[in-house]
């Protein structure tokens, strides 16, 4: 195990650190320089959460010599190359008081975990996005800090969790972006790029006194080696900044909302800690307890079976024709299957939405559509969460099922 791996294992969960592949750092710096109104050799730059120095190296590689990095973790010096050590200071950037001094602010700030939501009132009150809140996600405060560090016409290049692009409860963050920067590009970064498996976006934007947001380039990073980004230019809608939405015309789909097809949709029953020990067992009972380990892509997996002991409201006992749809988890969200006779009467845990259709003869066809690549893309657009993506009942209900599935031929 090398030094970097040891550092990851010890620190990543506490500080939210997931360091950036150099190819991604170089891409973001290069895209920022495309819009900068001066030569790279004349610009100054900062990475306020520099970690192992990936963005600092990218700045140097792209011709910027006047740059600095800050980080809260004094262990990072062991990860930096000798030519970068003198460029880095150990400091909590959220306490940095300077504003409007840099041409570029680039980086991949830490993402929230249970350890690092900010609750210190002395910090929160200094931020427009923190004031009057009991806690705030650290990445949201860093987003504001990046912007405030810039001069007007300066460029931000920042990696953020995908949830900021479309989560309804984060609309106020997107409004803040709209009021402070002209967004030039938003690039979707596939989950496999980072060790925590998070879905992320890179935002490239120019700080403006009066931003005019209209046309934006939306991209998906298809590969690192060689670097390839699939782009489209479209009018920006701050209700949804997810690039996948813009690269697909899902909004123009002819179809029927799932909401119109269901009799019931509710979340399964979870048991935790002492209750789990009481209610669940390896010993066979009349009710199988289905977890994410048991549901594949349209199939039931007889792996590490659990059984339920006790009584629940009748609605929780699965019926033939029900669809169980995994609502959460990197690699598990979107898994689903139709309940048949062998699974009738089972209980499913709260990782799942239970979809009970009005017309159960459609269950198999709709489940097959849920497993399609087209629907998986829709899930990517609508999921929220930082490291653990999830989709709410309301967002699932609003998704459309193609109308061709309901014609006579489709139902033969």
Protein backbone atom coordinates (compact mmCIF):
# COMPACT_ATOMS: atom_id res chain seq x y z
CA UNK A 1 0.00 0.00 0.00
CA UNK A 2 1.55 3.32 -1.07
CA UNK A 3 1.52 6.61 0.86
CA UNK A 4 -1.47 8.00 -1.03
CA UNK A 5 -3.56 4.87 -0.37
CA UNK A 6 -2.68 4.96 3.33
CA UNK A 7 -3.73 8.60 3.49
CA UNK A 8 -7.05 7.80 1.80
CA UNK A 9 -7.87 4.97 4.16
CA UNK A 10 -7.20 7.08 7.23
CA UNK A 11 -8.60 10.47 6.31
CA UNK A 12 -11.15 10.36 3.50
CA UNK A 13 -14.24 9.63 5.59
CA UNK A 14 -13.41 12.29 8.17
CA UNK A 15 -12.46 15.15 5.87
CA UNK A 16 -14.46 14.18 2.79
CA UNK A 17 -11.25 13.99 0.73
CA UNK A 18 -11.36 12.21 -2.60
CA UNK A 19 -8.44 13.39 -4.70
CA UNK A 20 -8.77 14.29 -8.37
CA UNK A 21 -7.20 12.40 -11.30
CA UNK A 22 -4.63 14.69 -12.94
CA UNK A 23 -6.39 14.33 -16.31
CA UNK A 24 -9.56 15.84 -14.81
CA UNK A 25 -7.65 18.68 -13.12
CA UNK A 26 -5.86 19.52 -16.37
CA UNK A 27 -9.13 19.45 -18.30
CA UNK A 28 -10.83 21.86 -15.87
CA UNK A 29 -7.89 24.29 -15.82
CA UNK A 30 -7.66 24.19 -19.61
CA UNK A 31 -11.39 24.91 -19.98
CA UNK A 32 -11.10 27.87 -17.57
CA UNK A 33 -8.17 29.34 -19.51
CA UNK A 34 -10.26 29.20 -22.68
CA UNK A 35 -12.47 31.98 -21.23
CA UNK A 36 -9.83 33.98 -19.32
CA UNK A 37 -9.30 37.51 -20.63
CA UNK A 38 -5.52 37.45 -20.15
CA UNK A 39 -2.53 35.26 -20.87
CA UNK A 40 -1.93 32.37 -18.47
CA UNK A 41 1.51 33.75 -17.59
CA UNK A 42 -0.14 36.95 -16.26
CA UNK A 43 -2.83 35.22 -14.19
CA UNK A 44 -2.87 34.31 -10.52
CA UNK A 45 -4.77 31.33 -9.14
CA UNK A 46 -5.75 29.48 -5.98
CA UNK A 47 -7.00 26.05 -4.99
CA UNK A 48 -8.58 26.57 -1.54
CA UNK A 49 -8.78 22.81 -0.82
CA UNK A 50 -5.72 21.56 -2.65
CA UNK A 51 -5.30 18.07 -1.17
CA UNK A 52 -2.54 16.20 -2.98
CA UNK A 53 -1.90 19.14 -5.33
CA UNK A 54 -3.50 17.74 -8.49
CA UNK A 55 -4.97 21.11 -9.49
CA UNK A 56 -1.76 22.95 -8.57
CA UNK A 57 0.21 20.68 -10.88
CA UNK A 58 -2.37 21.29 -13.61
CA UNK A 59 -2.04 25.07 -13.18
CA UNK A 60 1.74 24.80 -13.56
CA UNK A 61 1.44 22.48 -16.56
CA UNK A 62 -0.88 24.97 -18.29
CA UNK A 63 1.53 27.90 -17.90
CA UNK A 64 0.40 29.57 -14.66
CA UNK A 65 3.27 30.30 -12.28
CA UNK A 66 1.60 32.61 -9.76
CA UNK A 67 -0.58 30.20 -7.77
CA UNK A 68 -1.08 28.90 -4.26
CA UNK A 69 -2.89 26.11 -2.46
CA UNK A 70 -4.55 25.89 0.94
CA UNK A 71 -5.70 22.84 2.86
CA UNK A 72 -6.89 22.11 6.38
CA UNK A 73 -5.03 18.78 6.60
CA UNK A 74 -1.40 19.10 7.72
CA UNK A 75 -0.70 15.54 6.54
CA UNK A 76 -0.86 16.52 2.87
CA UNK A 77 2.78 17.68 2.76
CA UNK A 78 3.82 14.03 2.53
CA UNK A 79 1.73 13.73 -0.65
CA UNK A 80 3.04 16.82 -2.46
CA UNK A 81 5.91 16.85 -4.92
CA UNK A 82 8.91 18.98 -3.90
CA UNK A 83 8.16 21.71 -6.43
CA UNK A 84 4.68 22.25 -4.90
CA UNK A 85 5.44 22.18 -1.17
CA UNK A 86 6.41 25.87 -1.03
CA UNK A 87 3.17 26.79 -2.79
CA UNK A 88 0.93 25.27 -0.10
CA UNK A 89 -0.13 26.54 3.32
CA UNK A 90 -2.09 24.70 5.99
CA UNK A 91 -5.14 26.84 6.59
CA UNK A 92 -8.91 26.45 6.82
CA UNK A 93 -10.06 28.29 3.70
CA UNK A 94 -13.53 28.84 5.12
CA UNK A 95 -11.88 31.31 7.53
CA UNK A 96 -10.03 33.12 4.73
CA UNK A 97 -11.06 36.79 4.72
CA UNK A 98 -9.55 37.99 1.42
CA UNK A 99 -11.94 38.52 -1.50
CA UNK A 100 -11.74 39.46 -5.18
CA UNK A 101 -8.00 38.91 -5.62
CA UNK A 102 -7.66 35.92 -7.99
CA UNK A 103 -8.11 35.33 -11.71
CA UNK A 104 -8.83 31.62 -11.21
CA UNK A 105 -10.20 29.57 -8.32
CA UNK A 106 -10.10 25.86 -9.14
CA UNK A 107 -10.42 22.66 -7.17
CA UNK A 108 -12.37 19.74 -5.80
CA UNK A 109 -13.51 20.76 -2.30
CA UNK A 110 -14.47 18.12 0.28
CA UNK A 111 -18.02 16.80 0.11
CA UNK A 112 -20.29 16.46 3.11
CA UNK A 113 -20.19 13.43 5.33
CA UNK A 114 -21.63 12.93 8.78
CA UNK A 115 -18.36 14.35 10.13
CA UNK A 116 -18.07 17.57 8.20
CA UNK A 117 -21.32 19.43 7.83
CA UNK A 118 -20.50 22.87 9.15
CA UNK A 119 -22.37 23.87 12.30
CA UNK A 120 -20.03 26.55 13.69
CA UNK A 121 -22.14 29.72 13.77
CA UNK A 122 -19.03 31.93 13.57
CA UNK A 123 -18.33 30.39 10.14
CA UNK A 124 -21.91 30.11 8.90
CA UNK A 125 -22.76 33.76 9.47
CA UNK A 126 -19.95 34.85 7.11
CA UNK A 127 -21.61 33.11 4.16
CA UNK A 128 -24.73 34.09 2.24
CA UNK A 129 -25.44 30.36 1.86
CA UNK A 130 -24.78 29.64 5.54
CA UNK A 131 -26.34 32.57 7.34
CA UNK A 132 -29.51 31.76 9.33
CA UNK A 133 -28.90 28.01 8.99
CA UNK A 134 -28.09 25.57 11.77
CA UNK A 135 -25.77 23.56 9.50
CA UNK A 136 -24.59 23.66 5.90
CA UNK A 137 -22.87 21.23 3.57
CA UNK A 138 -19.17 22.02 3.39
CA UNK A 139 -19.12 21.90 -0.43
CA UNK A 140 -21.80 24.61 -0.63
CA UNK A 141 -19.77 26.94 1.57
CA UNK A 142 -16.70 26.22 -0.55
CA UNK A 143 -18.65 27.04 -3.70
CA UNK A 144 -19.43 30.48 -2.30
CA UNK A 145 -15.82 30.90 -1.12
CA UNK A 146 -14.46 30.06 -4.58
CA UNK A 147 -16.69 32.72 -6.13
CA UNK A 148 -15.84 35.38 -3.54
CA UNK A 149 -12.10 34.83 -4.04
CA UNK A 150 -12.42 35.86 -7.71
CA UNK A 151 -12.08 39.24 -9.32
CA UNK A 152 -14.85 40.17 -11.73
CA UNK A 153 -14.21 38.32 -15.01
CA UNK A 154 -12.28 35.71 -13.03
CA UNK A 155 -12.97 32.01 -13.68
CA UNK A 156 -14.19 29.30 -11.34
CA UNK A 157 -13.57 25.63 -12.10
CA UNK A 158 -15.05 23.48 -9.36
CA UNK A 159 -16.14 19.86 -8.88
CA UNK A 160 -19.41 19.45 -6.99
CA UNK A 161 -21.78 16.57 -6.17
CA UNK A 162 -24.44 15.93 -8.80
CA UNK A 163 -27.23 16.73 -6.33
CA UNK A 164 -26.45 20.45 -6.61
CA UNK A 165 -27.42 20.26 -10.29
CA UNK A 166 -31.04 19.32 -9.72
CA UNK A 167 -32.10 18.57 -6.14
CA UNK A 168 -35.25 20.57 -5.39
CA UNK A 169 -34.04 21.46 -1.88
CA UNK A 170 -30.88 23.02 -3.38
CA UNK A 171 -32.64 25.42 -5.75
CA UNK A 172 -31.38 28.31 -3.60
CA UNK A 173 -27.79 27.25 -4.42
CA UNK A 174 -28.52 27.29 -8.16
CA UNK A 175 -30.13 30.71 -7.74
CA UNK A 176 -26.92 31.93 -6.06
CA UNK A 177 -24.92 30.68 -9.04
CA UNK A 178 -27.29 32.45 -11.42
CA UNK A 179 -26.86 35.74 -9.58
CA UNK A 180 -23.06 35.62 -9.37
CA UNK A 181 -21.50 33.85 -12.34
CA UNK A 182 -22.06 33.30 -16.03
CA UNK A 183 -21.88 29.55 -16.40
CA UNK A 184 -19.87 28.62 -19.47
CA UNK A 185 -19.75 24.84 -19.18
CA UNK A 186 -21.12 22.06 -16.97
CA UNK A 187 -19.53 18.64 -17.41
CA UNK A 188 -20.86 15.39 -15.98
CA UNK A 189 -18.14 13.19 -14.48
CA UNK A 190 -18.88 9.47 -14.31
CA UNK A 191 -19.03 7.87 -10.81
CA UNK A 192 -15.97 5.69 -11.40
CA UNK A 193 -13.62 8.68 -11.47
CA UNK A 194 -13.55 8.99 -7.68
CA UNK A 195 -12.93 6.41 -4.99
CA UNK A 196 -16.18 7.18 -3.18
CA UNK A 197 -18.18 6.43 -6.35
CA UNK A 198 -19.92 9.81 -6.24
CA UNK A 199 -21.62 11.24 -9.32
CA UNK A 200 -20.20 14.72 -9.83
CA UNK A 201 -20.22 17.72 -12.14
CA UNK A 202 -17.55 20.25 -13.03
CA UNK A 203 -18.79 23.84 -13.34
CA UNK A 204 -16.81 26.37 -15.38
CA UNK A 205 -18.03 29.93 -14.90
CA UNK A 206 -17.03 33.60 -15.05
CA UNK A 207 -17.75 35.92 -12.15
CA UNK A 208 -19.83 38.88 -13.32
CA UNK A 209 -21.38 41.92 -11.68
CA UNK A 210 -24.56 41.31 -13.67
CA UNK A 211 -24.41 37.77 -15.12
CA UNK A 212 -26.21 37.07 -18.38
CA UNK A 213 -26.91 33.35 -18.38
CA UNK A 214 -28.40 32.11 -21.63
CA UNK A 215 -26.51 29.54 -23.72
CA UNK A 216 -24.25 27.05 -21.95
CA UNK A 217 -22.11 24.11 -23.07
CA UNK A 218 -23.18 20.86 -21.41
CA UNK A 219 -20.88 17.88 -21.60
CA UNK A 220 -20.31 14.31 -20.47
CA UNK A 221 -16.74 13.15 -19.89
CA UNK A 222 -16.76 9.90 -21.85
CA UNK A 223 -13.14 8.84 -21.28
CA UNK A 224 -9.95 9.99 -19.57
CA UNK A 225 -7.37 8.31 -21.79
CA UNK A 226 -7.72 9.72 -24.35
CA UNK A 227 -9.72 12.61 -22.91
CA UNK A 228 -13.06 12.88 -24.70
CA UNK A 229 -16.04 15.09 -23.79
CA UNK A 230 -19.35 14.90 -25.63
CA UNK A 231 -20.76 18.47 -25.78
CA UNK A 232 -24.03 20.17 -26.69
CA UNK A 233 -24.89 23.90 -26.49
CA UNK A 234 -28.34 24.73 -25.14
CA UNK A 235 -30.22 27.41 -23.25
CA UNK A 236 -29.61 26.99 -19.55
CA UNK A 237 -32.44 26.25 -17.12
CA UNK A 238 -31.45 26.76 -13.48
CA UNK A 239 -34.13 24.36 -12.33
CA UNK A 240 -31.96 21.56 -13.72
CA UNK A 241 -28.23 21.86 -14.45
CA UNK A 242 -27.63 18.14 -15.00
CA UNK A 243 -25.78 17.74 -18.34
CA UNK A 244 -27.47 14.39 -19.02
CA UNK A 245 -30.80 16.23 -19.17
CA UNK A 246 -29.49 18.48 -21.95
CA UNK A 247 -27.82 15.74 -23.97
CA UNK A 248 -31.09 13.80 -24.12
CA UNK A 249 -34.52 15.08 -25.12
CA UNK A 250 -36.36 13.27 -22.34
CA UNK A 251 -38.54 16.27 -21.67
CA UNK A 252 -40.01 15.89 -25.16
CA UNK A 253 -40.92 12.24 -24.60
CA UNK A 254 -44.41 11.23 -25.50
CA UNK A 255 -45.52 9.08 -22.65
CA UNK A 256 -47.66 8.60 -19.59
CA UNK A 257 -46.41 9.62 -16.17
CA UNK A 258 -45.96 6.69 -13.82
CA UNK A 259 -48.23 8.56 -11.40
CA UNK A 260 -51.18 7.92 -13.72
CA UNK A 261 -50.57 4.17 -13.78
CA UNK A 262 -50.22 3.29 -10.13
CA UNK A 263 -52.63 2.30 -7.42
CA UNK A 264 -50.01 2.76 -4.68
CA UNK A 265 -46.33 3.67 -4.36
CA UNK A 266 -44.64 3.49 -0.97
CA UNK A 267 -41.31 2.66 0.61
CA UNK A 268 -40.54 -0.75 2.11
CA UNK A 269 -40.03 -1.46 5.80
CA UNK A 270 -36.60 -1.08 7.36
CA UNK A 271 -35.41 -2.42 10.70
CA UNK A 272 -32.33 -1.14 12.50
CA UNK A 273 -30.18 -1.91 15.54
CA UNK A 274 -32.04 -3.78 18.31
CA UNK A 275 -35.29 -3.93 16.33
CA UNK A 276 -33.44 -5.68 13.50
CA UNK A 277 -32.21 -8.39 15.88
CA UNK A 278 -35.75 -8.97 17.12
CA UNK A 279 -37.64 -8.87 13.80
CA UNK A 280 -35.19 -10.60 11.42
CA UNK A 281 -33.63 -14.03 11.46
CA UNK A 282 -31.75 -16.56 9.32
CA UNK A 283 -34.30 -19.17 10.36
CA UNK A 284 -37.04 -19.69 7.79
CA UNK A 285 -40.49 -18.22 8.48
CA UNK A 286 -43.54 -17.57 6.28
CA UNK A 287 -42.20 -14.14 5.21
CA UNK A 288 -38.96 -13.67 3.33
CA UNK A 289 -37.25 -10.32 4.00
CA UNK A 290 -35.83 -8.97 0.73
CA UNK A 291 -32.79 -6.67 0.80
CA UNK A 292 -30.64 -5.04 -1.89
CA UNK A 293 -28.42 -8.14 -1.86
CA UNK A 294 -31.36 -10.16 -3.18
CA UNK A 295 -32.45 -7.97 -6.11
CA UNK A 296 -30.52 -7.89 -9.36
CA UNK A 297 -31.41 -6.39 -12.72
CA UNK A 298 -34.78 -8.11 -13.11
CA UNK A 299 -33.91 -11.21 -11.11
CA UNK A 300 -34.12 -12.50 -7.55
CA UNK A 301 -30.79 -13.52 -6.01
CA UNK A 302 -30.95 -16.21 -3.33
CA UNK A 303 -28.03 -14.84 -1.37
CA UNK A 304 -27.81 -14.45 2.43
CA UNK A 305 -31.56 -14.81 2.89
CA UNK A 306 -33.30 -13.24 5.86
CA UNK A 307 -36.78 -13.89 7.23
CA UNK A 308 -39.26 -11.65 9.01
CA UNK A 309 -40.77 -12.51 12.40
CA UNK A 310 -43.82 -10.56 13.49
CA UNK A 311 -46.78 -8.63 12.10
CA UNK A 312 -47.01 -5.54 9.89
CA UNK A 313 -49.71 -3.52 8.16
CA UNK A 314 -51.06 -5.67 5.32
CA UNK A 315 -49.82 -3.26 2.65
CA UNK A 316 -46.19 -4.22 3.36
CA UNK A 317 -46.75 -7.86 2.34
CA UNK A 318 -45.83 -8.05 -1.33
CA UNK A 319 -48.46 -9.09 -3.83
CA UNK A 320 -48.09 -10.84 -7.15
CA UNK A 321 -47.49 -8.19 -9.83
CA UNK A 322 -45.90 -5.64 -7.48
CA UNK A 323 -42.67 -4.06 -8.74
CA UNK A 324 -39.92 -3.53 -6.18
CA UNK A 325 -37.60 -0.73 -7.32
CA UNK A 326 -34.31 0.04 -5.56
CA UNK A 327 -34.37 3.76 -4.83
CA UNK A 328 -30.86 4.27 -3.44
CA UNK A 329 -27.21 3.27 -3.65
CA UNK A 330 -24.29 3.50 -6.05
CA UNK A 331 -24.58 0.44 -8.28
CA UNK A 332 -27.95 -0.61 -6.85
CA UNK A 333 -30.27 2.31 -7.67
CA UNK A 334 -32.64 1.24 -10.44
CA UNK A 335 -32.48 -2.50 -9.79
CA UNK A 336 -35.97 -3.96 -9.84
CA UNK A 337 -38.06 -7.07 -10.30
CA UNK A 338 -41.69 -8.16 -10.54
CA UNK A 339 -43.03 -10.19 -7.62
CA UNK A 340 -44.23 -13.64 -8.69
CA UNK A 341 -45.99 -16.43 -6.78
CA UNK A 342 -42.76 -17.59 -5.13
CA UNK A 343 -42.14 -14.16 -3.55
CA UNK A 344 -45.74 -13.24 -2.73
CA UNK A 345 -46.13 -12.44 0.99
CA UNK A 346 -42.51 -11.31 1.36
CA UNK A 347 -41.39 -8.04 2.97
CA UNK A 348 -38.92 -5.68 1.29
CA UNK A 349 -36.60 -3.29 3.13
CA UNK A 350 -36.62 0.51 2.90
CA UNK A 351 -34.04 0.65 0.13
CA UNK A 352 -36.98 -0.04 -2.17
CA UNK A 353 -40.07 1.68 -3.47
CA UNK A 354 -42.99 -0.72 -3.89
CA UNK A 355 -44.94 0.06 -7.07
CA UNK A 356 -48.46 -1.37 -7.14
CA UNK A 357 -50.02 -0.79 -10.58
CA UNK A 358 -53.70 -0.38 -11.40
CA UNK A 359 -53.24 -2.85 -14.26
CA UNK A 360 -50.87 -5.59 -13.13
CA UNK A 361 -50.75 -7.10 -16.61
CA UNK A 362 -48.36 -4.21 -17.40
CA UNK A 363 -45.94 -5.02 -14.55
CA UNK A 364 -43.49 -7.06 -16.63
CA UNK A 365 -43.37 -4.55 -19.50
CA UNK A 366 -42.88 -1.59 -17.16
CA UNK A 367 -40.20 -3.41 -15.17
CA UNK A 368 -38.41 -4.22 -18.43
CA UNK A 369 -38.53 -0.52 -19.32
CA UNK A 370 -37.09 0.36 -15.89
CA UNK A 371 -34.14 -1.89 -16.78
CA UNK A 372 -33.52 -0.19 -20.14
CA UNK A 373 -30.56 2.11 -20.78
CA UNK A 374 -32.99 4.93 -21.60
CA UNK A 375 -34.62 4.73 -18.18
CA UNK A 376 -31.26 4.42 -16.42
CA UNK A 377 -30.33 7.78 -17.95
CA UNK A 378 -33.55 9.26 -16.62
CA UNK A 379 -32.63 8.00 -13.15
CA UNK A 380 -29.22 9.68 -13.42
CA UNK A 381 -30.92 12.98 -14.17
CA UNK A 382 -33.36 12.73 -11.29
CA UNK A 383 -31.30 11.22 -8.51
CA UNK A 384 -29.95 13.35 -5.69
CA UNK A 385 -27.34 12.75 -3.01
CA UNK A 386 -23.59 13.24 -2.66
CA UNK A 387 -21.89 9.86 -2.38
CA UNK A 388 -25.13 7.86 -2.19
CA UNK A 389 -27.56 8.68 -5.01
CA UNK A 390 -31.27 8.25 -4.37
CA UNK A 391 -34.55 9.02 -6.10
CA UNK A 392 -37.63 10.26 -4.27
CA UNK A 393 -41.12 8.88 -4.74
CA UNK A 394 -42.29 12.13 -6.34
CA UNK A 395 -39.49 12.20 -8.90
CA UNK A 396 -40.13 8.58 -9.80
CA UNK A 397 -43.85 9.26 -10.19
CA UNK A 398 -43.12 12.13 -12.60
CA UNK A 399 -41.09 9.96 -15.00
CA UNK A 400 -42.81 8.99 -18.23
CA UNK A 401 -43.43 5.52 -19.63
CA UNK A 402 -43.33 5.50 -23.48
CA UNK A 403 -46.77 5.54 -25.01
CA UNK A 404 -45.97 2.69 -27.43
CA UNK A 405 -46.03 0.28 -24.47
CA UNK A 406 -49.77 0.77 -24.16
CA UNK A 407 -50.90 0.02 -27.69
CA UNK A 408 -52.61 -3.26 -28.52
CA UNK A 409 -49.56 -4.81 -30.13
CA UNK A 410 -47.39 -4.07 -27.08
CA UNK A 411 -49.93 -5.74 -24.82
CA UNK A 412 -50.42 -8.92 -26.84
